[in-house]
């Protein structure tokens, strides 16, 4: 009987990928907290997972053979964050506290997803070895 690793880990693996992409976006927001004109961005995790679940791929189309191939692996659409604070005059709308909280929350959820994947892998190893350690 063939074991489908994609069926076993596919959805959780995509969740880890989206969480990784979101960490990069949030880290960029924090790094640009003092950059004039910078607008905070985010990835909508629910939309990204809905997209991954429905199997829609968001492959980028190359218009020339010298262009680099691109593939956003089930990631959500990048969106600008709606500001909760008044404009400080320089056009930057990054709220450091909001970004830190989102970064920490995403990090904890990333860690939980990785632990879940590890549990699935351990279970598969145990099934393959017949329950022997």
Protein backbone atom coordinates (compact mmCIF):
# COMPACT_ATOMS: atom_id res chain seq x y z
CA UNK A 1 0.00 0.00 0.00
CA UNK A 2 1.46 3.34 -1.05
CA UNK A 3 1.64 6.11 1.52
CA UNK A 4 0.86 9.60 0.29
CA UNK A 5 3.04 12.07 2.18
CA UNK A 6 1.18 14.93 0.58
CA UNK A 7 -2.11 13.68 2.02
CA UNK A 8 -0.50 13.09 5.40
CA UNK A 9 1.24 16.43 5.76
CA UNK A 10 0.09 18.59 2.85
CA UNK A 11 -2.25 20.97 4.65
CA UNK A 12 -0.05 21.38 7.75
CA UNK A 13 3.00 21.83 5.55
CA UNK A 14 1.25 24.62 3.65
CA UNK A 15 0.29 26.23 6.98
CA UNK A 16 3.95 26.26 8.00
CA UNK A 17 4.89 27.84 4.66
CA UNK A 18 2.29 30.60 5.02
CA UNK A 19 3.33 31.23 8.63
CA UNK A 20 6.95 31.53 7.48
CA UNK A 21 6.01 34.04 4.78
CA UNK A 22 3.93 36.00 7.28
CA UNK A 23 6.87 36.11 9.74
CA UNK A 24 9.01 37.67 7.01
CA UNK A 25 6.35 40.30 6.25
CA UNK A 26 5.87 41.18 9.93
CA UNK A 27 9.63 41.35 10.48
CA UNK A 28 9.84 43.74 7.52
CA UNK A 29 7.16 45.91 9.10
CA UNK A 30 9.11 46.07 12.35
CA UNK A 31 12.35 46.81 10.53
CA UNK A 32 10.71 49.70 8.69
CA UNK A 33 8.93 51.21 11.70
CA UNK A 34 10.90 54.46 11.29
CA UNK A 35 11.00 54.57 7.49
CA UNK A 36 9.07 57.59 6.19
CA UNK A 37 6.20 56.62 3.90
CA UNK A 38 6.35 52.90 4.71
CA UNK A 39 2.95 51.19 4.89
CA UNK A 40 2.55 48.10 7.09
CA UNK A 41 1.65 44.92 5.20
CA UNK A 42 0.27 41.55 6.21
CA UNK A 43 -0.86 38.22 4.80
CA UNK A 44 -4.38 37.07 5.54
CA UNK A 45 -3.75 33.58 6.90
CA UNK A 46 -7.38 32.42 6.58
CA UNK A 47 -7.52 33.42 2.91
CA UNK A 48 -4.18 31.74 2.24
CA UNK A 49 -5.30 28.49 3.83
CA UNK A 50 -8.65 28.61 2.05
CA UNK A 51 -6.73 29.01 -1.19
CA UNK A 52 -4.42 26.10 -0.33
CA UNK A 53 -7.35 23.92 0.70
CA UNK A 54 -9.24 24.51 -2.50
CA UNK A 55 -6.12 23.60 -4.44
CA UNK A 56 -5.79 26.89 -6.27
CA UNK A 57 -2.19 27.56 -7.12
CA UNK A 58 -0.92 31.05 -7.54
CA UNK A 59 1.83 30.46 -10.06
CA UNK A 60 3.30 33.56 -11.58
CA UNK A 61 3.39 33.67 -15.36
CA UNK A 62 6.70 34.30 -17.07
CA UNK A 63 6.44 36.66 -20.03
CA UNK A 64 10.03 36.17 -21.14
CA UNK A 65 12.35 33.16 -20.98
CA UNK A 66 14.98 35.14 -19.02
CA UNK A 67 12.55 35.95 -16.20
CA UNK A 68 12.97 34.05 -12.97
CA UNK A 69 10.32 31.43 -12.30
CA UNK A 70 8.12 32.41 -9.37
CA UNK A 71 5.71 30.44 -7.25
CA UNK A 72 3.81 31.69 -4.23
CA UNK A 73 3.13 28.34 -2.60
CA UNK A 74 -0.40 28.76 -1.35
CA UNK A 75 0.32 32.08 0.24
CA UNK A 76 -2.34 34.65 0.81
CA UNK A 77 -2.59 37.89 -1.00
CA UNK A 78 -0.36 40.61 0.42
CA UNK A 79 -2.45 43.37 1.91
CA UNK A 80 -1.75 46.72 3.51
CA UNK A 81 -2.70 46.90 7.16
CA UNK A 82 -5.36 49.39 8.19
CA UNK A 83 -3.78 51.85 10.60
CA UNK A 84 -5.06 52.16 14.16
CA UNK A 85 -3.01 55.25 14.92
CA UNK A 86 -3.14 58.75 13.51
CA UNK A 87 -0.64 59.75 10.85
CA UNK A 88 2.54 61.08 12.42
CA UNK A 89 3.24 63.30 9.45
CA UNK A 90 5.81 61.13 7.68
CA UNK A 91 3.31 58.73 6.06
CA UNK A 92 4.46 55.70 8.06
CA UNK A 93 1.60 53.72 9.58
CA UNK A 94 3.53 50.97 11.42
CA UNK A 95 2.30 50.47 14.99
CA UNK A 96 5.21 48.70 16.69
CA UNK A 97 3.06 47.17 19.44
CA UNK A 98 0.58 45.71 16.96
CA UNK A 99 3.42 44.32 14.83
CA UNK A 100 5.18 42.77 17.83
CA UNK A 101 1.97 41.14 19.03
CA UNK A 102 1.22 39.79 15.55
CA UNK A 103 4.81 38.55 15.23
CA UNK A 104 4.69 36.74 18.59
CA UNK A 105 1.25 35.26 17.89
CA UNK A 106 2.36 34.05 14.47
CA UNK A 107 5.55 32.59 16.00
CA UNK A 108 3.61 30.59 18.57
CA UNK A 109 1.23 29.29 15.91
CA UNK A 110 4.21 28.42 13.68
CA UNK A 111 5.78 26.46 16.52
CA UNK A 112 2.51 24.61 17.16
CA UNK A 113 2.25 23.70 13.47
CA UNK A 114 5.82 22.39 13.43
CA UNK A 115 5.16 20.31 16.57
CA UNK A 116 2.03 18.92 14.91
CA UNK A 117 4.09 17.96 11.83
CA UNK A 118 6.71 16.33 14.06
CA UNK A 119 4.00 14.26 15.71
CA UNK A 120 2.75 13.07 12.32
CA UNK A 121 6.29 12.15 11.26
CA UNK A 122 6.89 10.24 14.51
CA UNK A 123 3.61 8.38 14.01
CA UNK A 124 4.60 7.46 10.46
CA UNK A 125 8.05 6.26 11.64
CA UNK A 126 6.36 4.12 14.26
CA UNK A 127 3.97 2.66 11.69
CA UNK A 128 6.81 1.89 9.29
CA UNK A 129 8.94 0.23 11.97
CA UNK A 130 5.98 -1.82 13.24
CA UNK A 131 5.83 -0.02 16.58
CA UNK A 132 9.46 -0.65 17.47
CA UNK A 133 11.55 2.33 18.54
